[in-house]
Amino acid sequence: MKAIVFHEHGPFENIIIADVPKPEIGPNEVLVEVKAAALNRLDLWVLAGWPGLNLKLPHVMGSDGAGVVAEIGSSVTGFNVGDRVAVNPSLSCGTCEFCTAGQDNLCDRFAILGEHVDGFFAEITAVPARNLVKMPNHANFADAAAASLV
């Protein structure tokens, strides 16, 4: 599949369109066929890099996106193939003391799509089902992709 990636941190010239493997999902994850992605300032910081940021390269950028559920993991409930979804890019375990108190950003396993793991600048991305929000029928993908930016 096609994705926007970089092989090393630095300027915009490091960004290329490349063929990358389709992600595999675990039992609690879904594959989302990306219909829209928004450029977040975070994406630019990730491209530039900073001390201590360790990424698997090449890295798929894009922390904000929306799309259609293409495949669901064996333990996923509440979503079906074809559902239109927006995605919360903040990833956490969901079970630690911080997550259960609503402080996911303090989770030891906290990560952000497009920063710590591959993101939305691809044809398909893997996302934990708990991070999905079903989109209302009247919503468009571009607005949903940009929702976490406002």
C-alpha atoms as a PDB file:
ATOM      1  CA  MET A   1       0.000   0.000   0.000  1.00  0.00           C
ATOM      2  CA  LYS A   2       1.088   3.616  -0.449  1.00  0.00           C
ATOM      3  CA  ALA A   3       2.070   5.832   2.482  1.00  0.00           C
ATOM      4  CA  ILE A   4       3.793   9.123   3.181  1.00  0.00           C
ATOM      5  CA  VAL A   5       6.958   8.264   5.084  1.00  0.00           C
ATOM      6  CA  PHE A   6      10.389   9.495   6.030  1.00  0.00           C
ATOM      7  CA  HIS A   7      13.533   7.393   6.457  1.00  0.00           C
ATOM      8  CA  GLU A   8      15.367   9.931   8.598  1.00  0.00           C
ATOM      9  CA  HIS A   9      14.465  13.042  10.560  1.00  0.00           C
ATOM     10  CA  GLY A  10      15.048  16.401   8.958  1.00  0.00           C
ATOM     11  CA  PRO A  11      13.555  18.739   6.351  1.00  0.00           C
ATOM     12  CA  PHE A  12      10.466  18.303   4.166  1.00  0.00           C
ATOM     13  CA  GLU A  13      12.679  16.862   1.436  1.00  0.00           C
ATOM     14  CA  ASN A  14      12.940  13.698   3.540  1.00  0.00           C
ATOM     15  CA  ILE A  15       9.241  12.947   2.968  1.00  0.00           C
ATOM     16  CA  ILE A  16       8.466  10.462   0.197  1.00  0.00           C
ATOM     17  CA  ILE A  17       5.548   8.384  -1.013  1.00  0.00           C
ATOM     18  CA  ALA A  18       6.498   4.728  -0.665  1.00  0.00           C
ATOM     19  CA  ASP A  19       5.083   1.233  -0.729  1.00  0.00           C
ATOM     20  CA  VAL A  20       4.817  -0.155   2.804  1.00  0.00           C
ATOM     21  CA  PRO A  21       3.344  -3.401   4.135  1.00  0.00           C
ATOM     22  CA  LYS A  22      -0.326  -3.408   5.079  1.00  0.00           C
ATOM     23  CA  PRO A  23      -0.520  -3.366   8.891  1.00  0.00           C
ATOM     24  CA  GLU A  24      -1.606  -6.459  10.770  1.00  0.00           C
ATOM     25  CA  ILE A  25      -4.121  -6.171  13.591  1.00  0.00           C
ATOM     26  CA  GLY A  26      -4.467  -7.793  16.970  1.00  0.00           C
ATOM     27  CA  PRO A  27      -7.718  -9.073  18.476  1.00  0.00           C
ATOM     28  CA  ASN A  28      -8.732  -5.630  19.841  1.00  0.00           C
ATOM     29  CA  GLU A  29      -7.764  -3.590  16.795  1.00  0.00           C
ATOM     30  CA  VAL A  30      -9.298  -2.564  13.494  1.00  0.00           C
ATOM     31  CA  LEU A  31      -7.946  -1.632  10.104  1.00  0.00           C
ATOM     32  CA  VAL A  32      -9.207   1.751   8.974  1.00  0.00           C
ATOM     33  CA  GLU A  33      -9.242   2.632   5.283  1.00  0.00           C
ATOM     34  CA  VAL A  34      -8.135   6.251   5.490  1.00  0.00           C
ATOM     35  CA  LYS A  35     -10.466   8.704   3.745  1.00  0.00           C
ATOM     36  CA  ALA A  36      -8.976  11.929   5.156  1.00  0.00           C
ATOM     37  CA  ALA A  37      -5.988  12.958   7.245  1.00  0.00           C
ATOM     38  CA  ALA A  38      -5.143  16.325   8.753  1.00  0.00           C
ATOM     39  CA  LEU A  39      -1.700  17.849   9.104  1.00  0.00           C
ATOM     40  CA  ASN A  40      -0.972  18.527  12.763  1.00  0.00           C
ATOM     41  CA  ARG A  41       1.946  20.577  14.072  1.00  0.00           C
ATOM     42  CA  LEU A  42       2.994  17.364  15.835  1.00  0.00           C
ATOM     43  CA  ASP A  43       3.618  15.780  12.415  1.00  0.00           C
ATOM     44  CA  LEU A  44       6.165  18.495  11.655  1.00  0.00           C
ATOM     45  CA  TRP A  45       7.880  18.025  15.013  1.00  0.00           C
ATOM     46  CA  VAL A  46       8.093  14.256  14.444  1.00  0.00           C
ATOM     47  CA  LEU A  47       9.647  14.831  11.024  1.00  0.00           C
ATOM     48  CA  ALA A  48      12.189  17.237  12.519  1.00  0.00           C
ATOM     49  CA  GLY A  49      12.927  14.845  15.394  1.00  0.00           C
ATOM     50  CA  TRP A  50      14.146  15.572  18.909  1.00  0.00           C
ATOM     51  CA  PRO A  51      16.482  13.906  21.420  1.00  0.00           C
ATOM     52  CA  GLY A  52      14.987  10.692  22.780  1.00  0.00           C
ATOM     53  CA  LEU A  53      12.441  10.188  19.982  1.00  0.00           C
ATOM     54  CA  ASN A  54      13.083   6.640  18.811  1.00  0.00           C
ATOM     55  CA  LEU A  55      10.995   5.540  15.842  1.00  0.00           C
ATOM     56  CA  LYS A  56      10.957   2.476  13.661  1.00  0.00           C
ATOM     57  CA  LEU A  57      11.987   3.804  10.257  1.00  0.00           C
ATOM     58  CA  PRO A  58      10.623   4.315   7.709  1.00  0.00           C
ATOM     59  CA  HIS A  59       7.896   6.088   9.683  1.00  0.00           C
ATOM     60  CA  VAL A  60       4.336   6.754   8.493  1.00  0.00           C
ATOM     61  CA  MET A  61       3.316  10.246   9.572  1.00  0.00           C
ATOM     62  CA  GLY A  62      -0.133  11.571  10.455  1.00  0.00           C
ATOM     63  CA  SER A  63      -1.693  11.752  13.901  1.00  0.00           C
ATOM     64  CA  ASP A  64      -5.193  12.802  12.839  1.00  0.00           C
ATOM     65  CA  GLY A  65      -7.529  10.975  10.500  1.00  0.00           C
ATOM     66  CA  ALA A  66     -10.882   9.443   9.687  1.00  0.00           C
ATOM     67  CA  GLY A  67     -12.073   6.647   7.460  1.00  0.00           C
ATOM     68  CA  VAL A  68     -14.012   3.440   7.073  1.00  0.00           C
ATOM     69  CA  VAL A  69     -13.543   0.241   9.067  1.00  0.00           C
ATOM     70  CA  ALA A  70     -11.994  -2.273   6.649  1.00  0.00           C
ATOM     71  CA  GLU A  71     -11.345  -5.196   9.010  1.00  0.00           C
ATOM     72  CA  ILE A  72     -12.023  -5.953  12.672  1.00  0.00           C
ATOM     73  CA  GLY A  73     -10.048  -8.000  15.171  1.00  0.00           C
ATOM     74  CA  SER A  74     -11.501 -11.173  16.648  1.00  0.00           C
ATOM     75  CA  SER A  75     -12.410  -9.550  20.002  1.00  0.00           C
ATOM     76  CA  VAL A  76     -13.818  -6.271  18.668  1.00  0.00           C
ATOM     77  CA  THR A  77     -17.474  -5.546  19.388  1.00  0.00           C
ATOM     78  CA  GLY A  78     -19.562  -2.496  18.566  1.00  0.00           C
ATOM     79  CA  PHE A  79     -18.023  -1.881  15.149  1.00  0.00           C
ATOM     80  CA  ASN A  80     -18.587  -3.435  11.756  1.00  0.00           C
ATOM     81  CA  VAL A  81     -16.787  -3.387   8.443  1.00  0.00           C
ATOM     82  CA  GLY A  82     -18.049  -0.315   6.607  1.00  0.00           C
ATOM     83  CA  ASP A  83     -18.587   1.877   9.687  1.00  0.00           C
ATOM     84  CA  ARG A  84     -17.497   5.492   9.191  1.00  0.00           C
ATOM     85  CA  VAL A  85     -15.144   6.452  12.024  1.00  0.00           C
ATOM     86  CA  ALA A  86     -13.047   9.251  13.441  1.00  0.00           C
ATOM     87  CA  VAL A  87     -10.094   8.301  15.601  1.00  0.00           C
ATOM     88  CA  ASN A  88      -8.703   9.561  18.897  1.00  0.00           C
ATOM     89  CA  PRO A  89      -4.934   9.488  18.225  1.00  0.00           C
ATOM     90  CA  SER A  90      -3.994   9.121  21.921  1.00  0.00           C
ATOM     91  CA  LEU A  91      -3.126   5.499  22.687  1.00  0.00           C
ATOM     92  CA  SER A  92      -3.008   4.046  26.196  1.00  0.00           C
ATOM     93  CA  CYS A  93      -3.470   0.695  27.943  1.00  0.00           C
ATOM     94  CA  GLY A  94      -6.956   1.481  29.266  1.00  0.00           C
ATOM     95  CA  THR A  95      -6.454  -0.544  32.445  1.00  0.00           C
ATOM     96  CA  CYS A  96      -3.822   1.132  34.636  1.00  0.00           C
ATOM     97  CA  GLU A  97      -4.683   3.427  37.551  1.00  0.00           C
ATOM     98  CA  PHE A  98      -4.227   6.513  35.367  1.00  0.00           C
ATOM     99  CA  CYS A  99      -6.361   5.249  32.481  1.00  0.00           C
ATOM    100  CA  THR A 100      -9.192   4.167  34.772  1.00  0.00           C
ATOM    101  CA  ALA A 101      -9.084   7.635  36.382  1.00  0.00           C
ATOM    102  CA  GLY A 102      -9.404   9.337  32.973  1.00  0.00           C
ATOM    103  CA  GLN A 103      -5.759  10.436  32.897  1.00  0.00           C
ATOM    104  CA  ASP A 104      -4.683   8.411  29.870  1.00  0.00           C
ATOM    105  CA  ASN A 105      -1.852  10.844  29.115  1.00  0.00           C
ATOM    106  CA  LEU A 106      -0.080   9.650  32.286  1.00  0.00           C
ATOM    107  CA  CYS A 107      -0.209   5.964  31.258  1.00  0.00           C
ATOM    108  CA  ASP A 108       3.219   4.290  31.090  1.00  0.00           C
ATOM    109  CA  ARG A 109       2.268   2.982  27.640  1.00  0.00           C
ATOM    110  CA  PHE A 110       0.929   6.309  26.318  1.00  0.00           C
ATOM    111  CA  ALA A 111       1.646   6.856  22.629  1.00  0.00           C
ATOM    112  CA  ILE A 112       0.259   8.935  19.789  1.00  0.00           C
ATOM    113  CA  LEU A 113      -0.625   7.691  16.322  1.00  0.00           C
ATOM    114  CA  GLY A 114       1.793   9.189  13.838  1.00  0.00           C
ATOM    115  CA  GLU A 115       4.298  10.037  16.561  1.00  0.00           C
ATOM    116  CA  HIS A 116       5.253   6.822  18.360  1.00  0.00           C
ATOM    117  CA  VAL A 117       3.554   4.399  15.947  1.00  0.00           C
ATOM    118  CA  ASP A 118       2.625   4.591  12.270  1.00  0.00           C
ATOM    119  CA  GLY A 119      -0.179   7.032  11.547  1.00  0.00           C
ATOM    120  CA  PHE A 120      -2.790   8.163   9.036  1.00  0.00           C
ATOM    121  CA  PHE A 121      -0.732   9.241   6.043  1.00  0.00           C
ATOM    122  CA  ALA A 122      -1.328   5.821   4.492  1.00  0.00           C
ATOM    123  CA  GLU A 123      -4.085   4.056   2.614  1.00  0.00           C
ATOM    124  CA  ILE A 124      -4.833   1.868   5.648  1.00  0.00           C
ATOM    125  CA  THR A 125      -3.858   2.124   9.313  1.00  0.00           C
ATOM    126  CA  ALA A 126      -4.268  -0.102  12.375  1.00  0.00           C
ATOM    127  CA  VAL A 127      -6.032   1.384  15.406  1.00  0.00           C
ATOM    128  CA  PRO A 128      -7.255   0.012  18.757  1.00  0.00           C
ATOM    129  CA  ALA A 129     -11.049  -0.253  18.578  1.00  0.00           C
ATOM    130  CA  ARG A 130     -11.357   1.693  21.833  1.00  0.00           C
ATOM    131  CA  ASN A 131     -10.010   4.746  19.977  1.00  0.00           C
ATOM    132  CA  LEU A 132     -12.764   4.805  17.370  1.00  0.00           C
ATOM    133  CA  VAL A 133     -15.770   7.114  17.346  1.00  0.00           C
ATOM    134  CA  LYS A 134     -18.598   6.409  14.910  1.00  0.00           C
ATOM    135  CA  MET A 135     -19.249   9.375  12.667  1.00  0.00           C
ATOM    136  CA  PRO A 136     -22.788  10.674  12.184  1.00  0.00           C
ATOM    137  CA  ASN A 137     -24.076  10.286   8.631  1.00  0.00           C
ATOM    138  CA  HIS A 138     -24.042  14.048   8.004  1.00  0.00           C
ATOM    139  CA  ALA A 139     -20.348  14.423   8.961  1.00  0.00           C
ATOM    140  CA  ASN A 140     -17.675  14.506   6.285  1.00  0.00           C
ATOM    141  CA  PHE A 141     -14.308  12.792   6.568  1.00  0.00           C
ATOM    142  CA  ALA A 142     -12.214  15.967   6.273  1.00  0.00           C
ATOM    143  CA  ASP A 143     -13.975  17.628   9.207  1.00  0.00           C
ATOM    144  CA  ALA A 144     -13.759  14.443  11.276  1.00  0.00           C
ATOM    145  CA  ALA A 145     -10.034  14.098  10.550  1.00  0.00           C
ATOM    146  CA  ALA A 146      -9.408  17.651  11.748  1.00  0.00           C
ATOM    147  CA  ALA A 147     -11.672  17.455  14.817  1.00  0.00           C
ATOM    148  CA  SER A 148      -8.882  16.662  17.268  1.00  0.00           C
ATOM    149  CA  LEU A 149      -7.000  19.759  16.102  1.00  0.00           C
ATOM    150  CA  VAL A 150      -9.619  22.155  17.483  1.00  0.00           C
END
